[in-house]
Amino acid sequence: MRTPETHTVVLIPIRSFDDSKSRLADALDPDERRRLTMWMALRVVHAAGDLPVHVVTDDADVVEWAHGHGVEVMTVDRVGLNPSVTAAVEQAERVGFERAIVAHADLPAATDLSVVDRPGVCIAPDRAHDGSNVMCVPTDREFEFAYGPDSFSRHCAEAERLGLPLTIIDDDSLAWDVDDPADLPTDWNE
């Protein structure tokens, strides 16, 4: 990881392309799910704009994909989303980043991740205000990530526990994540 030229880094955790989006198995075959996941991940990378981006993964295929798109990779050797993101934020702090934007890779309409680049904790929740699709956290506060069901309210509570200002961004382009066949974008396979 390079020394930062900006205070904020974008971290995009991607476990694998091959076993992603299994809830879409009734609508898409494994190859289609793989292509959809790569398409959405690239949209999220582009939504970072000029901010530095690091894909957080230990999967060789994802590493190759990231490098093929000029994206840096951060390996953390941790199992599970919460431990992986925690390790990535710690690594980002060690090299001088003050804030980390954690953006999930399944946001087909993402256009601008910088809207969450704010002091304290900033969360762009999903449409149901259940999940935390995009978050910005300070790297030096040992924020305890709690991804999974009801992560939005748990992350809000964590900001309060740490005494950090909390900003909620209701942005349609960041609220749309793909969990079920009804969430599929129409233009991904063009």
C-alpha atoms as a PDB file:
ATOM      1  CA  MET A   1       0.000   0.000   0.000  1.00  0.00           C
ATOM      2  CA  ARG A   2       1.349   3.407  -0.954  1.00  0.00           C
ATOM      3  CA  THR A   3       1.649   6.395   1.330  1.00  0.00           C
ATOM      4  CA  PRO A   4      -1.614   8.327   1.032  1.00  0.00           C
ATOM      5  CA  GLU A   5      -1.912  11.520  -0.998  1.00  0.00           C
ATOM      6  CA  THR A   6      -5.407  11.951   0.408  1.00  0.00           C
ATOM      7  CA  HIS A   7      -6.754  11.387   3.895  1.00  0.00           C
ATOM      8  CA  THR A   8      -9.383   8.865   2.778  1.00  0.00           C
ATOM      9  CA  VAL A   9      -9.130   5.407   1.220  1.00  0.00           C
ATOM     10  CA  VAL A  10     -11.927   3.299  -0.266  1.00  0.00           C
ATOM     11  CA  LEU A  11     -11.951  -0.343   0.827  1.00  0.00           C
ATOM     12  CA  ILE A  12     -14.071  -2.783  -1.190  1.00  0.00           C
ATOM     13  CA  PRO A  13     -14.269  -6.237   0.404  1.00  0.00           C
ATOM     14  CA  ILE A  14     -14.757  -9.036  -2.135  1.00  0.00           C
ATOM     15  CA  ARG A  15     -14.534 -12.603  -0.889  1.00  0.00           C
ATOM     16  CA  SER A  16     -14.835 -14.329  -4.267  1.00  0.00           C
ATOM     17  CA  PHE A  17     -16.551 -14.025  -7.627  1.00  0.00           C
ATOM     18  CA  ASP A  18     -17.325 -17.734  -7.918  1.00  0.00           C
ATOM     19  CA  ASP A  19     -19.479 -18.206  -4.840  1.00  0.00           C
ATOM     20  CA  SER A  20     -21.076 -14.785  -4.725  1.00  0.00           C
ATOM     21  CA  LYS A  21     -24.753 -13.941  -4.854  1.00  0.00           C
ATOM     22  CA  SER A  22     -25.981 -17.480  -4.209  1.00  0.00           C
ATOM     23  CA  ARG A  23     -29.424 -16.064  -3.347  1.00  0.00           C
ATOM     24  CA  LEU A  24     -29.752 -15.291  -7.067  1.00  0.00           C
ATOM     25  CA  ALA A  25     -29.343 -18.947  -8.079  1.00  0.00           C
ATOM     26  CA  ASP A  26     -32.998 -19.234  -9.128  1.00  0.00           C
ATOM     27  CA  ALA A  27     -32.583 -16.329 -11.547  1.00  0.00           C
ATOM     28  CA  LEU A  28     -28.944 -16.604 -12.721  1.00  0.00           C
ATOM     29  CA  ASP A  29     -26.597 -19.482 -13.401  1.00  0.00           C
ATOM     30  CA  PRO A  30     -23.121 -19.482 -11.763  1.00  0.00           C
ATOM     31  CA  ASP A  31     -21.433 -17.816 -14.761  1.00  0.00           C
ATOM     32  CA  GLU A  32     -24.069 -15.074 -14.868  1.00  0.00           C
ATOM     33  CA  ARG A  33     -23.709 -14.445 -11.130  1.00  0.00           C
ATOM     34  CA  ARG A  34     -19.941 -14.208 -11.553  1.00  0.00           C
ATOM     35  CA  ARG A  35     -20.250 -11.706 -14.424  1.00  0.00           C
ATOM     36  CA  LEU A  36     -22.861  -9.681 -12.516  1.00  0.00           C
ATOM     37  CA  THR A  37     -20.631  -9.506  -9.451  1.00  0.00           C
ATOM     38  CA  MET A  38     -17.633  -8.344 -11.479  1.00  0.00           C
ATOM     39  CA  TRP A  39     -19.775  -5.758 -13.297  1.00  0.00           C
ATOM     40  CA  MET A  40     -21.128  -4.320 -10.029  1.00  0.00           C
ATOM     41  CA  ALA A  41     -17.693  -4.326  -8.382  1.00  0.00           C
ATOM     42  CA  LEU A  42     -16.270  -2.324 -11.275  1.00  0.00           C
ATOM     43  CA  ARG A  43     -19.111   0.208 -10.939  1.00  0.00           C
ATOM     44  CA  VAL A  44     -18.202   0.631  -7.271  1.00  0.00           C
ATOM     45  CA  VAL A  45     -14.519   1.069  -8.163  1.00  0.00           C
ATOM     46  CA  HIS A  46     -15.439   3.788 -10.665  1.00  0.00           C
ATOM     47  CA  ALA A  47     -17.713   5.460  -8.084  1.00  0.00           C
ATOM     48  CA  ALA A  48     -14.616   6.090  -5.956  1.00  0.00           C
ATOM     49  CA  GLY A  49     -13.576   8.755  -8.438  1.00  0.00           C
ATOM     50  CA  ASP A  50     -10.168  10.135  -7.522  1.00  0.00           C
ATOM     51  CA  LEU A  51     -10.019   8.449  -4.121  1.00  0.00           C
ATOM     52  CA  PRO A  52      -7.516   5.596  -3.772  1.00  0.00           C
ATOM     53  CA  VAL A  53      -9.184   2.168  -3.890  1.00  0.00           C
ATOM     54  CA  HIS A  54      -8.085  -1.111  -2.373  1.00  0.00           C
ATOM     55  CA  VAL A  55      -9.965  -4.342  -2.910  1.00  0.00           C
ATOM     56  CA  VAL A  56      -9.848  -6.368   0.294  1.00  0.00           C
ATOM     57  CA  THR A  57      -9.525 -10.052  -0.578  1.00  0.00           C
ATOM     58  CA  ASP A  58      -7.491 -13.203  -0.205  1.00  0.00           C
ATOM     59  CA  ASP A  59      -8.904 -14.751  -3.403  1.00  0.00           C
ATOM     60  CA  ALA A  60      -6.367 -15.104  -6.260  1.00  0.00           C
ATOM     61  CA  ASP A  61      -9.048 -14.614  -8.929  1.00  0.00           C
ATOM     62  CA  VAL A  62     -10.234 -11.364  -7.340  1.00  0.00           C
ATOM     63  CA  VAL A  63      -6.613 -10.205  -7.019  1.00  0.00           C
ATOM     64  CA  GLU A  64      -6.076 -10.815 -10.737  1.00  0.00           C
ATOM     65  CA  TRP A  65      -9.312  -8.973 -11.599  1.00  0.00           C
ATOM     66  CA  ALA A  66      -8.355  -5.992  -9.417  1.00  0.00           C
ATOM     67  CA  HIS A  67      -4.874  -5.715 -10.877  1.00  0.00           C
ATOM     68  CA  GLY A  68      -6.367  -5.991 -14.369  1.00  0.00           C
ATOM     69  CA  HIS A  69      -8.427  -2.888 -13.587  1.00  0.00           C
ATOM     70  CA  GLY A  70      -5.539  -0.986 -12.019  1.00  0.00           C
ATOM     71  CA  VAL A  71      -6.881  -1.388  -8.484  1.00  0.00           C
ATOM     72  CA  GLU A  72      -4.628  -2.070  -5.541  1.00  0.00           C
ATOM     73  CA  VAL A  73      -5.250  -5.106  -3.366  1.00  0.00           C
ATOM     74  CA  MET A  74      -5.092  -5.452   0.379  1.00  0.00           C
ATOM     75  CA  THR A  75      -4.812  -8.975   1.744  1.00  0.00           C
ATOM     76  CA  VAL A  76      -5.697  -9.383   5.395  1.00  0.00           C
ATOM     77  CA  ASP A  77      -5.631 -13.142   6.034  1.00  0.00           C
ATOM     78  CA  ARG A  78      -8.838 -13.015   8.062  1.00  0.00           C
ATOM     79  CA  VAL A  79     -12.012 -15.051   7.725  1.00  0.00           C
ATOM     80  CA  GLY A  80     -15.358 -13.265   7.663  1.00  0.00           C
ATOM     81  CA  LEU A  81     -16.459  -9.824   6.587  1.00  0.00           C
ATOM     82  CA  ASN A  82     -16.211  -8.072   9.957  1.00  0.00           C
ATOM     83  CA  PRO A  83     -12.688  -9.305  10.825  1.00  0.00           C
ATOM     84  CA  SER A  84     -11.496  -8.623   7.258  1.00  0.00           C
ATOM     85  CA  VAL A  85     -12.805  -5.064   7.211  1.00  0.00           C
ATOM     86  CA  THR A  86     -11.409  -4.399  10.696  1.00  0.00           C
ATOM     87  CA  ALA A  87      -7.960  -5.592   9.612  1.00  0.00           C
ATOM     88  CA  ALA A  88      -8.133  -3.520   6.413  1.00  0.00           C
ATOM     89  CA  VAL A  89      -9.015  -0.344   8.328  1.00  0.00           C
ATOM     90  CA  GLU A  90      -6.156  -1.006  10.764  1.00  0.00           C
ATOM     91  CA  GLN A  91      -3.775  -1.485   7.838  1.00  0.00           C
ATOM     92  CA  ALA A  92      -5.025   1.746   6.237  1.00  0.00           C
ATOM     93  CA  GLU A  93      -4.320   3.646   9.455  1.00  0.00           C
ATOM     94  CA  ARG A  94      -0.783   2.243   9.683  1.00  0.00           C
ATOM     95  CA  VAL A  95       0.099   3.813   6.327  1.00  0.00           C
ATOM     96  CA  GLY A  96      -1.438   7.181   7.164  1.00  0.00           C
ATOM     97  CA  PHE A  97      -5.055   7.212   6.002  1.00  0.00           C
ATOM     98  CA  GLU A  98      -7.288   9.064   8.457  1.00  0.00           C
ATOM     99  CA  ARG A  99     -10.631   7.800   7.124  1.00  0.00           C
ATOM    100  CA  ALA A 100     -11.759   4.638   5.398  1.00  0.00           C
ATOM    101  CA  ILE A 101     -14.819   4.321   3.208  1.00  0.00           C
ATOM    102  CA  VAL A 102     -16.027   0.730   3.241  1.00  0.00           C
ATOM    103  CA  ALA A 103     -18.186   0.108   0.172  1.00  0.00           C
ATOM    104  CA  HIS A 104     -19.821  -3.177  -0.654  1.00  0.00           C
ATOM    105  CA  ALA A 105     -19.297  -4.448  -4.178  1.00  0.00           C
ATOM    106  CA  ASP A 106     -22.974  -5.069  -4.991  1.00  0.00           C
ATOM    107  CA  LEU A 107     -24.118  -1.511  -5.677  1.00  0.00           C
ATOM    108  CA  PRO A 108     -25.151  -1.378  -9.355  1.00  0.00           C
ATOM    109  CA  ALA A 109     -26.152   2.295  -9.325  1.00  0.00           C
ATOM    110  CA  ALA A 110     -23.200   3.682  -7.343  1.00  0.00           C
ATOM    111  CA  THR A 111     -21.871   6.891  -8.851  1.00  0.00           C
ATOM    112  CA  ASP A 112     -20.100   8.840  -6.097  1.00  0.00           C
ATOM    113  CA  LEU A 113     -18.702   7.309  -2.924  1.00  0.00           C
ATOM    114  CA  SER A 114     -17.202  10.620  -1.831  1.00  0.00           C
ATOM    115  CA  VAL A 115     -20.606  11.775  -0.507  1.00  0.00           C
ATOM    116  CA  VAL A 116     -19.869   9.759   2.650  1.00  0.00           C
ATOM    117  CA  ASP A 117     -16.366  11.199   3.126  1.00  0.00           C
ATOM    118  CA  ARG A 118     -17.194  13.176   6.268  1.00  0.00           C
ATOM    119  CA  PRO A 119     -15.848  13.520   9.800  1.00  0.00           C
ATOM    120  CA  GLY A 120     -17.033  11.070  12.418  1.00  0.00           C
ATOM    121  CA  VAL A 121     -19.085   8.165  11.092  1.00  0.00           C
ATOM    122  CA  CYS A 122     -21.130   8.494   7.932  1.00  0.00           C
ATOM    123  CA  ILE A 123     -23.428   5.718   6.726  1.00  0.00           C
ATOM    124  CA  ALA A 124     -25.312   5.309   3.460  1.00  0.00           C
ATOM    125  CA  PRO A 125     -27.797   2.572   4.396  1.00  0.00           C
ATOM    126  CA  ASP A 126     -29.688   0.250   2.090  1.00  0.00           C
ATOM    127  CA  ARG A 127     -33.255   1.047   1.026  1.00  0.00           C
ATOM    128  CA  ALA A 128     -34.757  -0.679   4.085  1.00  0.00           C
ATOM    129  CA  HIS A 129     -32.356   0.999   6.538  1.00  0.00           C
ATOM    130  CA  ASP A 130     -31.274  -2.483   7.578  1.00  0.00           C
ATOM    131  CA  GLY A 131     -27.825  -2.773   5.994  1.00  0.00           C
ATOM    132  CA  SER A 132     -24.823  -0.439   5.838  1.00  0.00           C
ATOM    133  CA  ASN A 133     -23.972  -0.338   2.131  1.00  0.00           C
ATOM    134  CA  VAL A 134     -21.310   2.372   2.351  1.00  0.00           C
ATOM    135  CA  MET A 135     -19.670   3.728   5.490  1.00  0.00           C
ATOM    136  CA  CYS A 136     -16.913   6.160   6.301  1.00  0.00           C
ATOM    137  CA  VAL A 137     -15.135   5.736   9.620  1.00  0.00           C
ATOM    138  CA  PRO A 138     -12.043   7.230  11.217  1.00  0.00           C
ATOM    139  CA  THR A 139      -9.202   4.735  11.067  1.00  0.00           C
ATOM    140  CA  ASP A 140      -7.877   5.501  14.554  1.00  0.00           C
ATOM    141  CA  ARG A 141     -10.968   4.773  16.657  1.00  0.00           C
ATOM    142  CA  GLU A 142     -11.179   0.948  16.632  1.00  0.00           C
ATOM    143  CA  PHE A 143     -14.685   0.986  15.207  1.00  0.00           C
ATOM    144  CA  GLU A 144     -16.350  -2.403  15.764  1.00  0.00           C
ATOM    145  CA  PHE A 145     -17.948  -3.500  12.506  1.00  0.00           C
ATOM    146  CA  ALA A 146     -21.187  -5.458  12.755  1.00  0.00           C
ATOM    147  CA  TYR A 147     -22.171  -6.362   9.210  1.00  0.00           C
ATOM    148  CA  GLY A 148     -25.090  -8.737   8.852  1.00  0.00           C
ATOM    149  CA  PRO A 149     -28.782  -8.327   9.659  1.00  0.00           C
ATOM    150  CA  ASP A 150     -29.613  -4.934  11.184  1.00  0.00           C
ATOM    151  CA  SER A 151     -26.074  -3.638  10.674  1.00  0.00           C
ATOM    152  CA  PHE A 152     -27.317  -0.096  10.113  1.00  0.00           C
ATOM    153  CA  SER A 153     -28.710   0.311  13.641  1.00  0.00           C
ATOM    154  CA  ARG A 154     -25.729  -1.522  15.154  1.00  0.00           C
ATOM    155  CA  HIS A 155     -23.276   0.763  13.319  1.00  0.00           C
ATOM    156  CA  CYS A 156     -25.247   3.834  14.463  1.00  0.00           C
ATOM    157  CA  ALA A 157     -25.013   2.537  18.049  1.00  0.00           C
ATOM    158  CA  GLU A 158     -21.268   1.993  17.628  1.00  0.00           C
ATOM    159  CA  ALA A 159     -20.790   5.612  16.530  1.00  0.00           C
ATOM    160  CA  GLU A 160     -22.683   6.700  19.652  1.00  0.00           C
ATOM    161  CA  ARG A 161     -20.609   4.359  21.859  1.00  0.00           C
ATOM    162  CA  LEU A 162     -17.428   5.938  20.512  1.00  0.00           C
ATOM    163  CA  GLY A 163     -18.803   9.459  20.917  1.00  0.00           C
ATOM    164  CA  LEU A 164     -18.443  10.186  17.201  1.00  0.00           C
ATOM    165  CA  PRO A 165     -20.735  12.451  15.198  1.00  0.00           C
ATOM    166  CA  LEU A 166     -23.026  10.424  12.944  1.00  0.00           C
ATOM    167  CA  THR A 167     -24.252  11.440   9.498  1.00  0.00           C
ATOM    168  CA  ILE A 168     -26.810   9.398   7.565  1.00  0.00           C
ATOM    169  CA  ILE A 169     -26.804   9.781   3.789  1.00  0.00           C
ATOM    170  CA  ASP A 170     -29.958   8.580   2.056  1.00  0.00           C
ATOM    171  CA  ASP A 171     -28.629   8.342  -1.487  1.00  0.00           C
ATOM    172  CA  ASP A 172     -30.628   6.247  -3.962  1.00  0.00           C
ATOM    173  CA  SER A 173     -27.496   5.321  -5.906  1.00  0.00           C
ATOM    174  CA  LEU A 174     -25.875   3.862  -2.780  1.00  0.00           C
ATOM    175  CA  ALA A 175     -29.043   2.411  -1.230  1.00  0.00           C
ATOM    176  CA  TRP A 176     -29.649  -0.060  -4.058  1.00  0.00           C
ATOM    177  CA  ASP A 177     -27.848  -3.323  -3.330  1.00  0.00           C
ATOM    178  CA  VAL A 178     -28.516  -6.675  -4.964  1.00  0.00           C
ATOM    179  CA  ASP A 179     -29.655  -9.398  -2.613  1.00  0.00           C
ATOM    180  CA  ASP A 180     -32.632 -10.968  -4.397  1.00  0.00           C
ATOM    181  CA  PRO A 181     -33.752 -11.453  -8.024  1.00  0.00           C
ATOM    182  CA  ALA A 182     -36.115  -8.462  -7.680  1.00  0.00           C
ATOM    183  CA  ASP A 183     -33.028  -6.266  -7.056  1.00  0.00           C
ATOM    184  CA  LEU A 184     -31.318  -7.114 -10.356  1.00  0.00           C
ATOM    185  CA  PRO A 185     -30.431  -4.155 -12.583  1.00  0.00           C
ATOM    186  CA  THR A 186     -31.743  -4.367 -16.135  1.00  0.00           C
ATOM    187  CA  ASP A 187     -28.556  -3.137 -17.850  1.00  0.00           C
ATOM    188  CA  TRP A 188     -25.891  -5.362 -16.324  1.00  0.00           C
ATOM    189  CA  ASN A 189     -25.791  -7.909 -19.158  1.00  0.00           C
ATOM    190  CA  GLU A 190     -25.594  -5.534 -22.120  1.00  0.00           C
END
